[in-house]
Amino acid sequence: MFKGLSKIDLPGRNGAAPSLLTRVVVTIALLVVVTVARRAIATAVPGVVPFSLQFPAVLLATLLAGWVSGATVVTIGGLYAWYLTMQRPNGGPTEAELATLALYVVSAGSIVAFAEVFRVRARMLVGGQAALQASEARLELATKAAAVGVWEWRLATNEMIYSPEARAICGFPADGPVTYEMVAAVTHPEDFPHTSAQAERALDPQVRDETPYDYRLKLADGEVRWVTANGRAVFETVGGETVATRYVGTLQDITARKRAEVERDEGAQRLALAIDAGRMAVWQVDPRGITPSPELNRIMGFAEDAQPTLEEINALYLPGEQDRLRQAAQDALACGERRFEVEYRARRVDGALRWLLARAEILLDDKGAPRSAIGVVMDVTERRDSEERLRLLAREVDHRANNLLTVVLSTVQLSQAPTVQALKEVVSGRIAALGRAHQLLSEARWEGADLRRLVEEELLAFSLGEAARVTIEGPDVALSPAAAQALAMALHELATNAAKYGSLSKPEGRVAVSWTRGRGGPLNLRWAESGGPEVATPSRRGLGTVMLTRALAGPLGGTTHLDWRPQGLVCDLELPGEALEQVVASA
């Protein structure tokens, strides 16, 4: 409404008062024009004082140069009129002329006052219009730079006004009207109830909610966009009632931000799952103390919702372990690193000893001094126990291998036979017996071989597949590695002798193997043959007898007793309980 007025170059329209030069020039110019006009009228119509010619001059002077110029024109014009009346022959003005002069002064003064008010008001309006135009230009520039759309909903006509940016965000055509139905259609169906409820709260005079809200748009091509809207209702009094007449606001595309938030949340979930799967406890230490986590409480034996202090955590370190942690941190900083890890021992609240692995990063302040540390801790007790078992097992394997090689060497040295082939068979059989014992120990991870399986393995090859020829009876007994090797050699010698000369040399022959053992007492094993050739006591001790006797003697402290009965050999083997208890020690 001020576009025409804004084009007039009024002095002082930008807030500055007219300069003195401007006032002087305007005043002189108007006075000259009025004087010339007055002189012309006075010449044409003698005796007339045309005060009315002053009023346009006063009005223009005030509008163009301000009230000072207008007052100057009023004063000079009045004095000039007085001067003209004084030049008359009769010697002065009449009473009517004096009254006219007074009325002139009052009227001209009123014109100056009203013209000045108009001039100041016009200057303010023109300046406000210019400021409004500049503000609108800045707002338009800001909305374009920030990709923010502006919208307005005129409730009386249900008309929607969308800026180009808002149209682009919603996928509307660049031209043409935007209707309420178009806005409703582009709003995601799942979010439409939420946006409608927000609009109702904003348009309610009792609520006037201006809370920003996020929702989704579903464009015609199926693309889904996230937007954030800010709206404010404009209220007016209609018929004595306050109602919302317009709803205006902004719209901004935040799809990229929402996607980043989703990726951040998914990353946080993955991190939480990884930490939980790895049984890692997150912690942070700063001057205020320690910030624990439920997993740290679980590892250290606190209640899941406990808030232990740093002093309570430190009290669980074994002596010297906390110093190792501090030294690891200091060594890292000395090398220019901020990350370190160390394994240490601590006791849970219930007293259980645990091995823990701590990985941490030291956070520095602006001066480069440590201000806090953050990291994770894991319970690695099982791993450390497994490593220790592996080390013990490696030492045990080395020890057993040396013993086995010694036994094999003794077996070869003591073995005799009339021919090379026979010697080969003797040595092979004895080494095979050791191999079977070794296999049983390996399957049991060298923690004890089962006596029943050992007997079955040794007699299987000599029973010719007839299970009835061999009877095995006895309780479950676990043999130490040394006892297993000794009994394997003894059983092999007995089975070999039975197959060559004893009960197993005939189809009807039988062998019964049985054993007993009291709690913590010795193992007594009996080998009894029957159904074979008649047996007589040998006149001399053969190599097999020597091998049989030596198998249990020596470090094991076992004994061997041979009874050469006519119906078959009976051999009683005894191993002390200490030899069997070596299973526990080696485990």
Protein backbone atom coordinates (compact mmCIF):
# COMPACT_ATOMS: atom_id res chain seq x y z
CA MET A 1 0.00 0.00 0.00
CA PHE A 2 3.04 2.26 0.34
CA LYS A 3 4.69 1.45 -2.99
CA GLY A 4 3.75 4.79 -4.59
CA LEU A 5 4.68 6.85 -1.59
CA SER A 6 8.01 5.11 -1.28
CA LYS A 7 9.05 6.55 -4.64
CA ILE A 8 8.77 10.20 -3.41
CA ASP A 9 12.19 11.53 -2.47
CA LEU A 10 11.10 13.32 0.70
CA PRO A 11 13.89 14.99 2.65
CA GLY A 12 14.60 12.98 5.77
CA ARG A 13 12.69 9.91 4.55
CA ASN A 14 15.52 7.63 5.66
CA GLY A 15 15.42 9.00 9.22
CA ALA A 16 17.82 12.00 8.82
CA ALA A 17 16.50 15.59 9.38
CA PRO A 18 16.66 18.06 6.42
CA SER A 19 19.93 19.94 6.29
CA LEU A 20 20.15 23.71 6.94
CA LEU A 21 21.00 24.35 3.33
CA THR A 22 17.90 22.48 2.21
CA ARG A 23 15.73 24.51 4.54
CA VAL A 24 17.20 27.84 3.38
CA VAL A 25 16.91 27.02 -0.31
CA VAL A 26 13.30 25.80 -0.04
CA THR A 27 12.28 28.79 2.08
CA ILE A 28 13.88 31.39 -0.24
CA ALA A 29 12.48 29.75 -3.36
CA LEU A 30 8.93 29.71 -2.02
CA LEU A 31 9.19 33.25 -0.69
CA VAL A 32 10.36 34.49 -4.08
CA VAL A 33 7.49 32.74 -5.84
CA VAL A 34 4.92 34.05 -3.34
CA THR A 35 6.37 37.59 -3.44
CA VAL A 36 6.25 37.75 -7.21
CA ALA A 37 2.70 36.43 -7.24
CA ARG A 38 1.65 38.83 -4.49
CA ARG A 39 3.21 41.84 -6.30
CA ALA A 40 1.41 40.90 -9.48
CA ILE A 41 -1.93 40.66 -7.70
CA ALA A 42 -1.35 43.92 -5.80
CA THR A 43 -0.58 45.70 -9.08
CA ALA A 44 -3.61 44.26 -10.80
CA VAL A 45 -5.97 44.83 -7.83
CA PRO A 46 -4.71 47.71 -5.69
CA GLY A 47 -5.54 47.55 -1.97
CA VAL A 48 -5.79 43.75 -1.70
CA VAL A 49 -3.48 41.77 0.63
CA PRO A 50 -3.63 38.15 -0.66
CA PHE A 51 -2.85 36.22 2.54
CA SER A 52 -4.23 33.03 0.97
CA LEU A 53 -1.17 32.84 -1.29
CA GLN A 54 0.90 32.14 1.82
CA PHE A 55 -0.87 28.87 2.69
CA PRO A 56 0.42 26.75 -0.25
CA ALA A 57 3.92 28.11 0.39
CA VAL A 58 3.70 27.22 4.09
CA LEU A 59 2.40 23.71 3.28
CA LEU A 60 5.09 22.98 0.68
CA ALA A 61 7.88 24.42 2.86
CA THR A 62 6.83 22.22 5.78
CA LEU A 63 6.44 19.08 3.70
CA LEU A 64 9.69 19.56 1.80
CA ALA A 65 11.97 21.06 4.47
CA GLY A 66 10.26 20.56 7.82
CA TRP A 67 8.43 22.70 10.34
CA VAL A 68 11.29 25.19 10.70
CA SER A 69 11.01 26.17 7.03
CA GLY A 70 7.24 26.30 7.29
CA ALA A 71 7.39 28.57 10.34
CA THR A 72 9.92 30.79 8.58
CA VAL A 73 7.62 31.21 5.59
CA VAL A 74 4.71 32.04 7.93
CA THR A 75 6.76 34.67 9.78
CA ILE A 76 8.29 36.33 6.73
CA GLY A 77 4.96 36.30 4.91
CA GLY A 78 3.18 37.94 7.83
CA LEU A 79 5.84 40.64 8.20
CA TYR A 80 5.72 41.36 4.49
CA ALA A 81 1.95 41.70 4.59
CA TRP A 82 2.28 44.09 7.54
CA TYR A 83 4.85 46.06 5.58
CA LEU A 84 2.52 46.44 2.62
CA THR A 85 -0.27 47.80 4.78
CA MET A 86 2.12 50.34 6.32
CA GLN A 87 2.87 51.83 2.89
CA ARG A 88 -0.70 53.11 2.45
CA PRO A 89 -1.33 56.85 2.43
CA ASN A 90 -3.91 56.67 5.22
CA GLY A 91 -1.16 55.49 7.54
CA GLY A 92 -1.76 51.84 8.49
CA PRO A 93 -3.88 48.76 8.42
CA THR A 94 -7.52 48.70 9.22
CA GLU A 95 -9.05 46.66 12.03
CA ALA A 96 -10.30 44.14 9.49
CA GLU A 97 -6.79 43.73 8.09
CA LEU A 98 -5.38 43.23 11.58
CA ALA A 99 -7.98 40.55 12.29
CA THR A 100 -7.18 38.94 8.95
CA LEU A 101 -3.47 38.98 9.79
CA ALA A 102 -4.13 37.29 13.14
CA LEU A 103 -6.33 34.69 11.50
CA TYR A 104 -3.57 34.13 8.94
CA VAL A 105 -0.99 33.46 11.65
CA VAL A 106 -3.27 30.96 13.44
CA SER A 107 -4.28 29.19 10.21
CA ALA A 108 -0.75 29.04 8.85
CA GLY A 109 0.56 27.73 12.20
CA SER A 110 -2.06 24.95 12.10
CA ILE A 111 -1.02 24.09 8.57
CA VAL A 112 2.61 23.87 9.72
CA ALA A 113 1.67 21.57 12.61
CA PHE A 114 -0.50 19.22 10.55
CA ALA A 115 1.99 19.19 7.65
CA GLU A 116 4.83 18.33 10.02
CA VAL A 117 2.84 15.48 11.56
CA PHE A 118 2.02 14.19 8.09
CA ARG A 119 5.63 14.53 6.98
CA VAL A 120 6.99 12.62 10.03
CA ARG A 121 4.31 9.92 9.72
CA ALA A 122 4.96 9.54 6.02
CA ARG A 123 8.67 9.31 6.67
CA MET A 124 8.08 6.55 9.28
CA LEU A 125 5.76 4.62 7.00
CA VAL A 126 8.10 4.86 4.05
CA GLY A 127 11.05 3.85 6.22
CA GLY A 128 9.06 0.91 7.67
CA GLN A 129 8.06 -0.21 4.20
CA ALA A 130 11.69 -0.14 3.11
CA ALA A 131 12.74 -2.06 6.23
CA LEU A 132 9.95 -4.57 5.63
CA GLN A 133 11.07 -5.07 2.05
CA ALA A 134 14.66 -5.54 3.20
CA SER A 135 13.53 -7.98 5.88
CA GLU A 136 11.47 -9.94 3.37
CA ALA A 137 14.47 -10.09 1.05
CA ARG A 138 16.70 -11.37 3.85
CA LEU A 139 14.07 -13.94 4.88
CA GLU A 140 13.74 -15.15 1.30
CA LEU A 141 17.51 -15.44 1.00
CA ALA A 142 17.74 -17.31 4.33
CA THR A 143 14.98 -19.76 3.46
CA LYS A 144 16.57 -20.51 0.11
CA ALA A 145 20.01 -20.96 1.66
CA ALA A 146 18.64 -23.24 4.39
CA ALA A 147 16.25 -25.03 1.99
CA VAL A 148 13.36 -24.07 4.26
CA GLY A 149 9.89 -23.84 2.77
CA VAL A 150 7.21 -21.39 3.95
CA TRP A 151 3.53 -22.28 4.01
CA GLU A 152 0.26 -20.65 5.00
CA TRP A 153 -3.18 -22.13 5.54
CA ARG A 154 -6.00 -19.60 5.22
CA LEU A 155 -8.72 -21.24 7.24
CA ALA A 156 -11.64 -19.14 6.04
CA THR A 157 -11.17 -20.25 2.41
CA ASN A 158 -9.18 -23.46 3.09
CA GLU A 159 -6.55 -22.03 0.72
CA MET A 160 -2.99 -23.28 0.91
CA ILE A 161 -0.07 -21.02 -0.03
CA TYR A 162 3.30 -22.77 -0.43
CA SER A 163 6.64 -21.17 -1.30
CA PRO A 164 8.73 -22.67 -4.12
CA GLU A 165 10.94 -24.40 -1.56
CA ALA A 166 7.92 -25.90 0.22
CA ARG A 167 6.51 -27.09 -3.09
CA ALA A 168 9.81 -28.76 -3.97
CA ILE A 169 9.97 -30.53 -0.60
CA CYS A 170 6.42 -31.88 -0.95
CA GLY A 171 6.80 -32.77 -4.61
CA PHE A 172 4.07 -30.30 -5.70
CA PRO A 173 4.13 -28.63 -9.16
CA ALA A 174 6.03 -25.34 -9.37
CA ASP A 175 2.85 -23.48 -10.36
CA GLY A 176 -0.84 -24.00 -9.85
CA PRO A 177 -2.86 -24.03 -6.64
CA VAL A 178 -2.07 -26.18 -3.62
CA THR A 179 -5.16 -27.62 -1.98
CA TYR A 180 -5.79 -29.14 1.43
CA GLU A 181 -6.46 -32.47 -0.27
CA MET A 182 -2.99 -32.37 -1.88
CA VAL A 183 -1.35 -31.72 1.50
CA ALA A 184 -3.33 -34.53 3.15
CA ALA A 185 -2.50 -36.95 0.32
CA VAL A 186 1.25 -36.36 0.52
CA THR A 187 1.34 -36.83 4.32
CA HIS A 188 2.33 -40.39 5.27
CA PRO A 189 -0.82 -42.32 6.30
CA GLU A 190 0.78 -43.44 9.55
CA ASP A 191 1.69 -39.83 10.49
CA PHE A 192 -1.49 -38.06 9.34
CA PRO A 193 -3.30 -38.55 12.69
CA HIS A 194 -0.31 -37.04 14.49
CA THR A 195 -0.09 -33.96 12.24
CA SER A 196 -3.87 -33.44 12.44
CA ALA A 197 -3.79 -33.57 16.23
CA GLN A 198 -0.89 -31.09 16.27
CA ALA A 199 -2.82 -28.68 14.02
CA GLU A 200 -5.87 -28.94 16.29
CA ARG A 201 -3.78 -28.01 19.32
CA ALA A 202 -2.20 -25.10 17.45
CA LEU A 203 -5.59 -23.73 16.28
CA ASP A 204 -7.22 -24.05 19.70
CA PRO A 205 -7.31 -20.54 21.31
CA GLN A 206 -6.97 -22.15 24.72
CA VAL A 207 -3.85 -24.15 23.77
CA ARG A 208 -2.03 -22.36 20.91
CA ASP A 209 0.63 -25.08 20.74
CA GLU A 210 3.69 -24.05 18.72
CA THR A 211 5.78 -27.19 19.33
CA PRO A 212 7.84 -28.25 16.25
CA TYR A 213 7.00 -31.73 14.99
CA ASP A 214 8.56 -34.27 12.65
CA TYR A 215 6.63 -36.44 10.25
CA ARG A 216 6.99 -38.27 6.95
CA LEU A 217 5.91 -37.41 3.44
CA LYS A 218 5.10 -40.09 0.88
CA LEU A 219 5.52 -38.62 -2.58
CA ALA A 220 3.69 -39.75 -5.68
CA ASP A 221 6.69 -41.81 -6.86
CA GLY A 222 6.80 -43.69 -3.55
CA GLU A 223 9.77 -41.80 -2.09
CA VAL A 224 9.52 -41.22 1.66
CA ARG A 225 10.94 -38.01 3.12
CA TRP A 226 11.25 -36.85 6.69
CA VAL A 227 10.35 -33.20 7.35
CA THR A 228 10.16 -30.96 10.41
CA ALA A 229 7.41 -28.36 10.63
CA ASN A 230 7.11 -25.19 12.73
CA GLY A 231 3.71 -23.52 12.81
CA ARG A 232 1.93 -20.63 14.52
CA ALA A 233 -1.75 -19.77 14.34
CA VAL A 234 -2.95 -16.18 13.84
CA PHE A 235 -6.03 -15.38 15.91
CA GLU A 236 -8.65 -12.70 15.37
CA THR A 237 -11.87 -11.73 17.11
CA VAL A 238 -14.86 -12.56 14.93
CA GLY A 239 -18.34 -11.95 16.26
CA GLY A 240 -16.98 -11.51 19.76
CA GLU A 241 -15.17 -14.84 19.66
CA THR A 242 -11.43 -15.47 19.27
CA VAL A 243 -10.80 -17.80 16.36
CA ALA A 244 -7.78 -18.83 14.26
CA THR A 245 -7.90 -17.31 10.80
CA ARG A 246 -4.50 -18.36 9.49
CA TYR A 247 -1.91 -21.04 10.25
CA VAL A 248 1.58 -20.15 8.99
CA GLY A 249 4.92 -21.86 9.37
CA THR A 250 7.98 -23.43 7.82
CA LEU A 251 8.89 -26.84 6.43
CA GLN A 252 12.37 -28.34 6.22
CA ASP A 253 13.59 -31.61 4.68
CA ILE A 254 15.44 -33.59 7.40
CA THR A 255 15.66 -36.92 5.58
CA ALA A 256 19.47 -36.93 5.64
CA ARG A 257 19.49 -36.17 9.37
CA LYS A 258 16.97 -38.93 10.09
CA ARG A 259 18.98 -41.43 8.10
CA ALA A 260 22.10 -40.43 10.01
CA GLU A 261 20.19 -40.87 13.28
CA VAL A 262 19.00 -44.32 12.18
CA GLU A 263 22.54 -45.32 11.21
CA ARG A 264 23.82 -43.96 14.52
CA ASP A 265 21.17 -45.88 16.47
CA GLU A 266 21.84 -49.06 14.50
CA GLY A 267 25.57 -48.61 15.08
CA ALA A 268 24.93 -48.16 18.79
CA GLN A 269 22.78 -51.30 18.83
CA ARG A 270 25.46 -53.26 16.98
CA LEU A 271 28.07 -51.99 19.40
CA ALA A 272 25.88 -52.95 22.36
CA LEU A 273 25.31 -56.41 20.89
CA ALA A 274 29.04 -56.84 20.24
CA ILE A 275 29.88 -55.73 23.76
CA ASP A 276 27.25 -58.07 25.18
CA ALA A 277 28.32 -60.97 22.96
CA GLY A 278 31.94 -60.42 23.91
CA ARG A 279 30.99 -60.13 27.58
CA MET A 280 32.76 -56.80 27.71
CA ALA A 281 32.07 -54.31 30.49
CA VAL A 282 32.24 -50.61 29.66
CA TRP A 283 33.59 -48.20 32.27
CA GLN A 284 34.84 -44.63 32.63
CA VAL A 285 37.00 -43.08 35.32
CA ASP A 286 37.30 -39.32 35.90
CA PRO A 287 37.90 -37.06 38.92
CA ARG A 288 34.29 -37.63 40.01
CA GLY A 289 34.84 -41.39 40.28
CA ILE A 290 33.95 -44.43 38.17
CA THR A 291 30.93 -44.91 35.94
CA PRO A 292 30.22 -48.65 36.01
CA SER A 293 27.93 -50.78 33.85
CA PRO A 294 25.72 -53.81 34.62
CA GLU A 295 28.29 -56.09 32.96
CA LEU A 296 31.10 -54.69 35.11
CA ASN A 297 28.96 -55.31 38.19
CA ARG A 298 28.40 -58.89 37.02
CA ILE A 299 32.12 -59.51 36.47
CA MET A 300 33.09 -58.09 39.85
CA GLY A 301 30.21 -59.74 41.72
CA PHE A 302 28.14 -56.65 42.55
CA ALA A 303 24.39 -56.44 42.10
CA GLU A 304 23.42 -55.54 38.54
CA ASP A 305 21.96 -52.16 39.58
CA ALA A 306 24.72 -51.35 42.07
CA GLN A 307 26.76 -48.16 41.90
CA PRO A 308 30.13 -49.18 43.38
CA THR A 309 32.63 -46.45 44.14
CA LEU A 310 36.14 -46.33 42.72
CA GLU A 311 37.48 -47.23 46.16
CA GLU A 312 35.32 -50.36 46.26
CA ILE A 313 36.57 -51.41 42.83
CA ASN A 314 40.21 -50.74 43.74
CA ALA A 315 39.86 -52.84 46.89
CA LEU A 316 39.30 -55.93 44.71
CA TYR A 317 42.73 -55.75 43.02
CA LEU A 318 45.29 -58.27 44.14
CA PRO A 319 48.40 -56.69 45.72
CA GLY A 320 50.57 -55.03 43.09
CA GLU A 321 48.05 -55.32 40.25
CA GLN A 322 46.81 -51.74 40.48
CA ASP A 323 50.42 -50.56 40.24
CA ARG A 324 50.79 -52.63 37.05
CA LEU A 325 47.78 -50.87 35.56
CA ARG A 326 49.14 -47.43 36.41
CA GLN A 327 52.54 -48.35 34.99
CA ALA A 328 50.96 -49.54 31.73
CA ALA A 329 49.15 -46.20 31.39
CA GLN A 330 52.32 -44.23 32.14
CA ASP A 331 54.33 -46.29 29.64
CA ALA A 332 51.72 -45.63 26.95
CA LEU A 333 51.82 -41.86 27.56
CA ALA A 334 55.63 -41.89 27.57
CA CYS A 335 55.53 -43.44 24.07
CA GLY A 336 53.04 -40.86 22.82
CA GLU A 337 50.18 -43.35 22.91
CA ARG A 338 46.86 -42.98 24.67
CA ARG A 339 45.66 -46.59 24.40
CA PHE A 340 46.93 -49.50 26.46
CA GLU A 341 45.85 -52.94 27.61
CA VAL A 342 46.92 -55.16 30.45
CA GLU A 343 45.85 -58.41 32.08
CA TYR A 344 45.59 -58.46 35.83
CA ARG A 345 44.13 -60.43 38.72
CA ALA A 346 41.26 -59.40 40.97
CA ARG A 347 38.94 -60.99 43.43
CA ARG A 348 35.19 -60.84 43.05
CA VAL A 349 33.05 -59.69 45.93
CA ASP A 350 32.43 -63.37 46.73
CA GLY A 351 36.20 -64.00 46.92
CA ALA A 352 36.58 -65.85 43.60
CA LEU A 353 39.90 -65.14 41.85
CA ARG A 354 39.51 -63.91 38.26
CA TRP A 355 41.84 -62.92 35.45
CA LEU A 356 40.70 -59.69 33.74
CA LEU A 357 41.78 -57.99 30.52
CA ALA A 358 41.45 -54.19 30.48
CA ARG A 359 41.64 -52.12 27.30
CA ALA A 360 41.54 -48.37 27.86
CA GLU A 361 42.05 -44.99 26.22
CA ILE A 362 43.36 -42.00 28.18
CA LEU A 363 41.57 -38.70 27.46
CA LEU A 364 43.65 -35.53 27.77
CA ASP A 365 42.66 -31.97 28.66
CA ASP A 366 43.61 -28.81 26.77
CA LYS A 367 47.02 -28.81 28.43
CA GLY A 368 47.76 -32.42 27.47
CA ALA A 369 47.32 -33.78 30.99
CA PRO A 370 45.20 -36.90 31.63
CA ARG A 371 41.67 -35.96 32.66
CA SER A 372 39.83 -39.30 32.39
CA ALA A 373 40.00 -42.80 30.99
CA ILE A 374 37.40 -44.90 29.21
CA GLY A 375 37.57 -48.54 28.23
CA VAL A 376 36.29 -52.08 28.54
CA VAL A 377 37.19 -55.00 30.76
CA MET A 378 36.70 -58.70 30.00
CA ASP A 379 36.85 -61.79 32.16
CA VAL A 380 39.58 -63.96 30.60
CA THR A 381 39.83 -66.49 33.42
CA GLU A 382 38.74 -69.41 31.23
CA ARG A 383 41.24 -68.48 28.55
CA ARG A 384 44.05 -68.21 31.08
CA ASP A 385 43.05 -71.57 32.61
CA SER A 386 42.99 -73.16 29.16
CA GLU A 387 46.41 -71.74 28.38
CA GLU A 388 47.75 -73.08 31.66
CA ARG A 389 46.26 -76.51 30.95
CA LEU A 390 47.85 -76.48 27.51
CA ARG A 391 51.23 -75.65 29.03
CA LEU A 392 50.87 -78.45 31.56
CA LEU A 393 49.71 -80.83 28.85
CA ALA A 394 52.68 -79.92 26.66
CA ARG A 395 55.04 -80.66 29.53
CA GLU A 396 53.17 -83.90 30.24
CA VAL A 397 53.37 -84.95 26.59
CA ASP A 398 57.10 -84.28 26.58
CA HIS A 399 57.47 -86.34 29.75
CA ARG A 400 55.28 -89.18 28.45
CA ALA A 401 57.04 -89.24 25.10
CA ASN A 402 60.40 -89.58 26.81
CA ASN A 403 59.06 -92.37 29.01
CA LEU A 404 57.51 -94.13 26.03
CA LEU A 405 60.75 -93.95 24.08
CA THR A 406 62.56 -95.40 27.09
CA VAL A 407 60.05 -98.25 27.34
CA VAL A 408 60.29 -98.96 23.60
CA LEU A 409 64.08 -98.97 23.80
CA SER A 410 64.01 -101.41 26.74
CA THR A 411 61.49 -103.59 24.91
CA VAL A 412 63.68 -103.84 21.83
CA GLN A 413 66.79 -104.51 23.90
CA LEU A 414 65.13 -107.33 25.89
CA SER A 415 63.34 -108.95 22.97
CA GLN A 416 64.84 -112.21 21.62
CA ALA A 417 63.79 -114.70 18.95
CA PRO A 418 65.42 -117.51 16.92
CA THR A 419 64.92 -115.68 13.62
CA VAL A 420 64.79 -112.14 12.38
CA GLN A 421 61.14 -112.55 11.36
CA ALA A 422 60.22 -113.90 14.76
CA LEU A 423 62.07 -111.06 16.46
CA LYS A 424 60.20 -108.61 14.25
CA GLU A 425 56.88 -110.10 15.30
CA VAL A 426 57.80 -110.04 18.98
CA VAL A 427 58.92 -106.40 18.88
CA SER A 428 55.93 -105.35 16.75
CA GLY A 429 53.49 -106.99 19.13
CA ARG A 430 54.95 -105.37 22.20
CA ILE A 431 55.14 -101.93 20.60
CA ALA A 432 51.56 -102.36 19.34
CA ALA A 433 50.48 -103.02 22.93
CA LEU A 434 52.15 -99.81 24.01
CA GLY A 435 50.47 -98.04 21.08
CA ARG A 436 47.03 -99.23 22.16
CA ALA A 437 47.63 -97.98 25.68
CA HIS A 438 48.88 -94.69 24.29
CA GLN A 439 45.75 -94.37 22.13
CA LEU A 440 43.49 -94.86 25.15
CA LEU A 441 45.41 -92.21 27.08
CA SER A 442 45.25 -89.81 24.16
CA GLU A 443 41.48 -90.23 23.88
CA ALA A 444 41.21 -89.46 27.60
CA ARG A 445 43.53 -86.43 27.15
CA TRP A 446 46.11 -88.21 29.32
CA GLU A 447 43.79 -87.94 32.30
CA GLY A 448 43.46 -91.73 32.78
CA ALA A 449 42.85 -94.83 30.64
CA ASP A 450 39.90 -97.13 31.30
CA LEU A 451 41.09 -100.57 32.49
CA ARG A 452 38.20 -102.46 30.86
CA ARG A 453 38.92 -100.99 27.43
CA LEU A 454 42.61 -101.71 27.85
CA VAL A 455 41.90 -105.42 28.53
CA GLU A 456 39.46 -105.62 25.63
CA GLU A 457 41.93 -103.99 23.23
CA GLU A 458 44.73 -106.40 24.21
CA LEU A 459 42.64 -109.59 24.00
CA LEU A 460 40.65 -108.70 20.90
CA ALA A 461 43.39 -109.75 18.48
CA PHE A 462 43.87 -113.14 20.25
CA SER A 463 40.24 -114.19 20.66
CA LEU A 464 39.87 -114.80 16.89
CA GLY A 465 36.58 -112.96 16.95
CA GLU A 466 34.97 -115.38 19.43
CA ALA A 467 33.82 -113.26 22.36
CA ALA A 468 32.91 -116.36 24.42
CA ARG A 469 36.57 -117.36 24.66
CA VAL A 470 37.35 -114.31 26.81
CA THR A 471 35.58 -113.31 30.03
CA ILE A 472 36.20 -109.82 31.45
CA GLU A 473 34.82 -108.74 34.82
CA GLY A 474 35.60 -105.91 37.22
CA PRO A 475 34.63 -102.39 38.35
CA ASP A 476 35.49 -99.19 36.46
CA VAL A 477 39.08 -98.22 37.15
CA ALA A 478 41.00 -95.28 35.70
CA LEU A 479 44.69 -95.95 35.15
CA SER A 480 47.46 -93.42 35.30
CA PRO A 481 49.58 -93.18 32.12
CA ALA A 482 52.42 -95.15 33.69
CA ALA A 483 50.07 -97.85 35.06
CA ALA A 484 48.31 -98.12 31.68
CA GLN A 485 51.57 -98.70 29.82
CA ALA A 486 52.75 -101.27 32.40
CA LEU A 487 49.48 -103.26 32.35
CA ALA A 488 49.37 -103.09 28.54
CA MET A 489 52.80 -104.71 28.37
CA ALA A 490 51.85 -107.32 31.00
CA LEU A 491 48.56 -108.24 29.30
CA HIS A 492 50.31 -108.43 25.94
CA GLU A 493 52.89 -110.89 27.29
CA LEU A 494 50.17 -113.02 28.90
CA ALA A 495 48.00 -113.00 25.75
CA THR A 496 50.98 -113.83 23.52
CA ASN A 497 51.99 -116.76 25.77
CA ALA A 498 48.38 -118.02 25.88
CA ALA A 499 48.10 -117.86 22.09
CA LYS A 500 51.36 -119.76 21.58
CA TYR A 501 51.41 -122.28 24.41
CA GLY A 502 48.37 -121.80 26.64
CA SER A 503 44.58 -121.92 26.52
CA LEU A 504 44.17 -119.70 23.45
CA SER A 505 46.26 -122.12 21.39
CA LYS A 506 43.22 -124.49 21.23
CA PRO A 507 39.67 -123.66 20.07
CA GLU A 508 38.12 -124.85 23.35
CA GLY A 509 40.51 -122.81 25.48
CA ARG A 510 39.28 -119.91 27.62
CA VAL A 511 40.75 -116.88 29.44
CA ALA A 512 39.09 -115.07 32.36
CA VAL A 513 40.34 -111.64 33.38
CA SER A 514 38.96 -110.10 36.57
CA TRP A 515 40.01 -107.39 39.01
CA THR A 516 39.04 -105.79 42.27
CA ARG A 517 39.92 -102.63 44.05
CA GLY A 518 38.88 -101.27 47.38
CA ARG A 519 38.44 -97.55 48.09
CA GLY A 520 41.91 -96.07 47.84
CA GLY A 521 43.46 -99.56 47.99
CA PRO A 522 45.61 -101.54 45.53
CA LEU A 523 44.40 -102.95 42.23
CA ASN A 524 44.39 -106.77 42.11
CA LEU A 525 44.06 -108.25 38.62
CA ARG A 526 43.83 -112.01 37.94
CA TRP A 527 44.52 -113.72 34.61
CA ALA A 528 43.18 -117.32 34.62
CA GLU A 529 43.45 -119.74 31.69
CA SER A 530 41.51 -122.96 31.21
CA GLY A 531 40.73 -125.55 28.52
CA GLY A 532 44.16 -125.47 27.00
CA PRO A 533 47.10 -127.92 26.99
CA GLU A 534 48.27 -129.25 30.31
CA VAL A 535 50.64 -126.81 31.93
CA ALA A 536 53.88 -127.52 33.78
CA THR A 537 56.13 -125.16 35.67
CA PRO A 538 58.94 -124.03 33.34
CA SER A 539 62.44 -125.11 34.25
CA ARG A 540 63.83 -121.61 33.62
CA ARG A 541 62.56 -118.07 33.36
CA GLY A 542 62.06 -117.04 29.76
CA LEU A 543 62.22 -113.52 28.33
CA GLY A 544 58.41 -113.22 28.45
CA THR A 545 58.43 -113.92 32.16
CA VAL A 546 61.15 -111.32 32.65
CA MET A 547 59.15 -108.71 30.64
CA LEU A 548 56.02 -109.57 32.59
CA THR A 549 57.74 -109.17 35.95
CA ARG A 550 59.52 -105.96 35.05
CA ALA A 551 56.38 -104.35 33.59
CA LEU A 552 54.86 -103.67 37.01
CA ALA A 553 58.00 -103.43 39.10
CA GLY A 554 60.26 -100.41 39.32
CA PRO A 555 58.77 -96.99 40.07
CA LEU A 556 55.21 -98.35 40.15
CA GLY A 557 56.04 -100.77 42.95
CA GLY A 558 53.79 -103.52 41.54
CA THR A 559 54.15 -107.26 41.91
CA THR A 560 53.59 -110.27 39.64
CA HIS A 561 52.76 -113.83 40.85
CA LEU A 562 52.63 -116.76 38.37
CA ASP A 563 50.86 -120.03 39.31
CA TRP A 564 51.48 -122.79 36.70
CA ARG A 565 48.46 -124.99 37.36
CA PRO A 566 47.92 -128.13 35.21
CA GLN A 567 44.55 -126.79 33.89
CA GLY A 568 46.07 -123.47 32.98
CA LEU A 569 48.23 -120.50 34.04
CA VAL A 570 46.94 -118.17 36.75
CA CYS A 571 48.71 -114.81 37.05
CA ASP A 572 47.97 -112.32 39.83
CA LEU A 573 49.04 -108.71 39.24
CA GLU A 574 48.96 -106.08 41.95
CA LEU A 575 49.47 -102.32 41.65
CA PRO A 576 49.62 -100.08 44.76
CA GLY A 577 46.93 -97.42 45.17
CA GLU A 578 49.58 -94.70 44.90
CA ALA A 579 50.38 -95.75 41.34
CA LEU A 580 46.72 -95.36 40.39
CA GLU A 581 46.29 -92.06 42.19
CA GLN A 582 48.88 -90.55 39.87
CA VAL A 583 45.89 -89.96 37.56
CA VAL A 584 44.77 -87.15 39.79
CA ALA A 585 48.26 -85.66 40.05
CA SER A 586 48.83 -85.73 36.30
CA ALA A 587 45.39 -84.21 35.65
